[in-house]
N, C-alpha and C. Protein backbone atom coordinates (compact mmCIF):
# COMPACT_ATOMS: atom_id res chain seq x y z
N HIS A 1 4.38 -7.94 -9.51
CA HIS A 1 4.01 -6.55 -9.42
C HIS A 1 3.24 -6.12 -10.67
N ALA A 2 3.76 -6.42 -11.84
CA ALA A 2 3.09 -6.04 -13.08
C ALA A 2 1.74 -6.73 -13.19
N THR A 3 1.67 -7.98 -12.74
CA THR A 3 0.40 -8.70 -12.78
C THR A 3 -0.63 -8.04 -11.88
N ALA A 4 -0.21 -7.58 -10.71
CA ALA A 4 -1.13 -6.90 -9.80
C ALA A 4 -1.66 -5.61 -10.42
N VAL A 5 -0.82 -4.87 -11.10
CA VAL A 5 -1.24 -3.62 -11.75
C VAL A 5 -2.27 -3.94 -12.83
N VAL A 6 -2.03 -4.97 -13.60
CA VAL A 6 -2.99 -5.37 -14.65
C VAL A 6 -4.32 -5.78 -14.02
N GLN A 7 -4.26 -6.53 -12.93
CA GLN A 7 -5.49 -6.97 -12.25
C GLN A 7 -6.27 -5.79 -11.68
N VAL A 8 -5.59 -4.89 -11.01
CA VAL A 8 -6.26 -3.72 -10.44
C VAL A 8 -6.86 -2.86 -11.55
N THR A 9 -6.13 -2.68 -12.63
CA THR A 9 -6.63 -1.90 -13.76
C THR A 9 -7.89 -2.53 -14.34
N ALA A 10 -7.88 -3.83 -14.53
CA ALA A 10 -9.04 -4.54 -15.08
C ALA A 10 -10.23 -4.44 -14.12
N GLN A 11 -9.98 -4.59 -12.82
CA GLN A 11 -11.06 -4.53 -11.84
C GLN A 11 -11.66 -3.12 -11.78
N LEU A 12 -10.82 -2.11 -11.76
CA LEU A 12 -11.33 -0.74 -11.72
C LEU A 12 -12.05 -0.37 -13.02
N ALA A 13 -11.56 -0.85 -14.15
CA ALA A 13 -12.23 -0.59 -15.43
C ALA A 13 -13.62 -1.22 -15.44
N ALA A 14 -13.74 -2.41 -14.87
CA ALA A 14 -15.05 -3.08 -14.80
C ALA A 14 -16.00 -2.29 -13.90
N VAL A 15 -15.51 -1.77 -12.81
CA VAL A 15 -16.33 -0.97 -11.91
C VAL A 15 -16.75 0.33 -12.61
N PHE A 16 -15.82 0.97 -13.30
CA PHE A 16 -16.11 2.21 -14.02
C PHE A 16 -17.20 1.96 -15.08
N ALA A 17 -17.14 0.82 -15.74
CA ALA A 17 -18.12 0.48 -16.77
C ALA A 17 -19.54 0.34 -16.22
N THR A 18 -19.67 0.09 -14.94
CA THR A 18 -21.01 -0.02 -14.32
C THR A 18 -21.61 1.34 -14.00
N GLY A 19 -20.81 2.40 -14.13
CA GLY A 19 -21.31 3.74 -13.86
C GLY A 19 -20.80 4.36 -12.56
N VAL A 20 -20.05 3.62 -11.79
CA VAL A 20 -19.46 4.15 -10.56
C VAL A 20 -18.41 5.19 -10.94
N ARG A 21 -18.41 6.33 -10.25
CA ARG A 21 -17.47 7.40 -10.57
C ARG A 21 -16.62 7.87 -9.40
N SER A 22 -16.72 7.20 -8.27
CA SER A 22 -15.93 7.56 -7.09
C SER A 22 -15.22 6.32 -6.56
N VAL A 23 -13.98 6.52 -6.11
CA VAL A 23 -13.19 5.42 -5.56
C VAL A 23 -12.57 5.88 -4.25
N ALA A 24 -12.69 5.03 -3.23
CA ALA A 24 -11.99 5.25 -1.97
C ALA A 24 -10.98 4.12 -1.82
N VAL A 25 -9.71 4.45 -1.76
CA VAL A 25 -8.65 3.46 -1.63
C VAL A 25 -8.26 3.40 -0.16
N VAL A 26 -8.54 2.26 0.47
CA VAL A 26 -8.24 2.06 1.89
C VAL A 26 -7.47 0.75 2.01
N LEU A 27 -6.19 0.83 2.26
CA LEU A 27 -5.35 -0.35 2.40
C LEU A 27 -4.85 -0.45 3.84
N ALA A 28 -4.71 -1.66 4.32
CA ALA A 28 -4.35 -1.90 5.72
C ALA A 28 -3.08 -1.18 6.15
N HIS A 29 -2.06 -1.18 5.34
CA HIS A 29 -0.78 -0.60 5.73
C HIS A 29 -0.44 0.65 4.93
N ALA A 30 -1.48 1.36 4.48
CA ALA A 30 -1.26 2.56 3.66
C ALA A 30 -0.70 3.72 4.47
N TYR A 31 -0.95 3.73 5.77
CA TYR A 31 -0.44 4.85 6.57
C TYR A 31 1.10 4.92 6.55
N PRO A 32 1.78 3.82 6.89
CA PRO A 32 3.24 3.92 6.84
C PRO A 32 3.82 3.69 5.44
N PHE A 33 3.04 3.06 4.55
CA PHE A 33 3.52 2.73 3.20
C PHE A 33 2.48 3.16 2.17
N PRO A 34 2.36 4.46 1.87
CA PRO A 34 1.29 4.95 1.00
C PRO A 34 1.49 4.68 -0.50
N GLU A 35 2.63 4.14 -0.89
CA GLU A 35 2.94 3.99 -2.31
C GLU A 35 1.92 3.13 -3.06
N HIS A 36 1.48 2.02 -2.46
CA HIS A 36 0.52 1.14 -3.14
C HIS A 36 -0.82 1.84 -3.33
N ALA A 37 -1.26 2.57 -2.33
CA ALA A 37 -2.52 3.31 -2.45
C ALA A 37 -2.38 4.41 -3.51
N GLN A 38 -1.26 5.09 -3.53
CA GLN A 38 -1.04 6.13 -4.52
C GLN A 38 -1.05 5.55 -5.93
N GLN A 39 -0.47 4.36 -6.09
CA GLN A 39 -0.46 3.69 -7.39
C GLN A 39 -1.89 3.36 -7.82
N LYS A 40 -2.69 2.82 -6.91
CA LYS A 40 -4.07 2.48 -7.24
C LYS A 40 -4.88 3.73 -7.55
N GLY A 41 -4.61 4.80 -6.83
CA GLY A 41 -5.28 6.07 -7.10
C GLY A 41 -4.92 6.60 -8.49
N SER A 42 -3.67 6.48 -8.86
CA SER A 42 -3.23 6.91 -10.20
C SER A 42 -3.90 6.10 -11.30
N ILE A 43 -4.05 4.81 -11.07
CA ILE A 43 -4.73 3.95 -12.05
C ILE A 43 -6.19 4.40 -12.18
N ALA A 44 -6.85 4.64 -11.06
CA ALA A 44 -8.25 5.06 -11.09
C ALA A 44 -8.41 6.39 -11.83
N ARG A 45 -7.52 7.33 -11.57
CA ARG A 45 -7.60 8.62 -12.26
C ARG A 45 -7.36 8.46 -13.75
N ALA A 46 -6.42 7.62 -14.12
CA ALA A 46 -6.14 7.38 -15.54
C ALA A 46 -7.33 6.75 -16.25
N LEU A 47 -8.12 5.98 -15.53
CA LEU A 47 -9.31 5.36 -16.11
C LEU A 47 -10.47 6.33 -16.22
N GLY A 48 -10.36 7.49 -15.57
CA GLY A 48 -11.40 8.51 -15.68
C GLY A 48 -12.24 8.75 -14.45
N PHE A 49 -11.93 8.10 -13.34
CA PHE A 49 -12.68 8.36 -12.12
C PHE A 49 -12.42 9.81 -11.68
N PRO A 50 -13.47 10.63 -11.59
CA PRO A 50 -13.25 12.02 -11.20
C PRO A 50 -13.01 12.21 -9.70
N GLN A 51 -13.49 11.30 -8.88
CA GLN A 51 -13.31 11.39 -7.43
C GLN A 51 -12.52 10.19 -6.94
N VAL A 52 -11.29 10.42 -6.52
CA VAL A 52 -10.43 9.36 -5.99
C VAL A 52 -9.90 9.84 -4.64
N SER A 53 -10.24 9.13 -3.59
CA SER A 53 -9.79 9.49 -2.24
C SER A 53 -8.89 8.39 -1.70
N LEU A 54 -7.74 8.78 -1.18
CA LEU A 54 -6.79 7.85 -0.58
C LEU A 54 -6.83 8.02 0.93
N SER A 55 -7.05 6.93 1.63
CA SER A 55 -7.18 7.02 3.09
C SER A 55 -5.93 7.59 3.74
N SER A 56 -4.77 7.27 3.21
CA SER A 56 -3.52 7.75 3.81
C SER A 56 -3.35 9.25 3.63
N ALA A 57 -4.02 9.83 2.64
CA ALA A 57 -3.95 11.28 2.42
C ALA A 57 -5.08 12.01 3.15
N VAL A 58 -6.27 11.40 3.17
CA VAL A 58 -7.44 12.04 3.78
C VAL A 58 -7.30 12.09 5.30
N MET A 59 -6.86 10.97 5.88
CA MET A 59 -6.75 10.90 7.34
C MET A 59 -5.51 10.07 7.69
N PRO A 60 -4.36 10.70 7.73
CA PRO A 60 -3.12 9.96 7.98
C PRO A 60 -3.01 9.48 9.43
N MET A 61 -3.52 8.29 9.66
CA MET A 61 -3.42 7.69 10.99
C MET A 61 -3.36 6.18 10.85
N VAL A 62 -2.99 5.50 11.92
CA VAL A 62 -2.79 4.06 11.91
C VAL A 62 -4.10 3.29 11.79
N LYS A 63 -5.14 3.68 12.46
CA LYS A 63 -6.39 2.91 12.53
C LYS A 63 -7.09 2.84 11.17
N MET A 64 -7.11 1.64 10.57
CA MET A 64 -7.67 1.44 9.24
C MET A 64 -9.18 1.74 9.18
N ALA A 65 -9.93 1.29 10.18
CA ALA A 65 -11.38 1.51 10.16
C ALA A 65 -11.71 3.00 10.16
N ALA A 66 -11.06 3.76 10.99
CA ALA A 66 -11.31 5.20 11.04
C ALA A 66 -10.92 5.87 9.73
N ARG A 67 -9.80 5.46 9.15
CA ARG A 67 -9.40 6.00 7.85
C ARG A 67 -10.43 5.66 6.79
N GLY A 68 -10.93 4.42 6.81
CA GLY A 68 -11.91 3.97 5.84
C GLY A 68 -13.20 4.76 5.92
N PHE A 69 -13.72 4.95 7.13
CA PHE A 69 -14.96 5.71 7.32
C PHE A 69 -14.79 7.14 6.80
N THR A 70 -13.69 7.76 7.16
CA THR A 70 -13.47 9.14 6.76
C THR A 70 -13.25 9.24 5.26
N THR A 71 -12.54 8.31 4.69
CA THR A 71 -12.25 8.34 3.26
C THR A 71 -13.50 8.16 2.42
N THR A 72 -14.39 7.27 2.82
CA THR A 72 -15.60 7.06 2.04
C THR A 72 -16.55 8.25 2.13
N ALA A 73 -16.38 9.08 3.13
CA ALA A 73 -17.21 10.27 3.29
C ALA A 73 -16.51 11.52 2.75
N ASP A 74 -15.39 11.35 2.08
CA ASP A 74 -14.55 12.47 1.63
C ASP A 74 -15.27 13.42 0.69
N ARG A 75 -16.19 12.95 -0.08
CA ARG A 75 -16.82 13.80 -1.10
C ARG A 75 -18.09 14.33 -0.61
């Protein structure tokens, strides 16, 4: 678990360094289990991303593709 947090933090920091300022977190099982998406969203916000959208919050439904489309268009 700690290793995954370190990896996600490093990956998001690398993306932030390229100039990207928006993150859409879309995980396959985020609808019934939003905790992992919330954790990734918290990491992104801590790194300075001003726009962080979580699919489980934007469109709480089972279908991952529909959540993903809606989440990426959130802003």
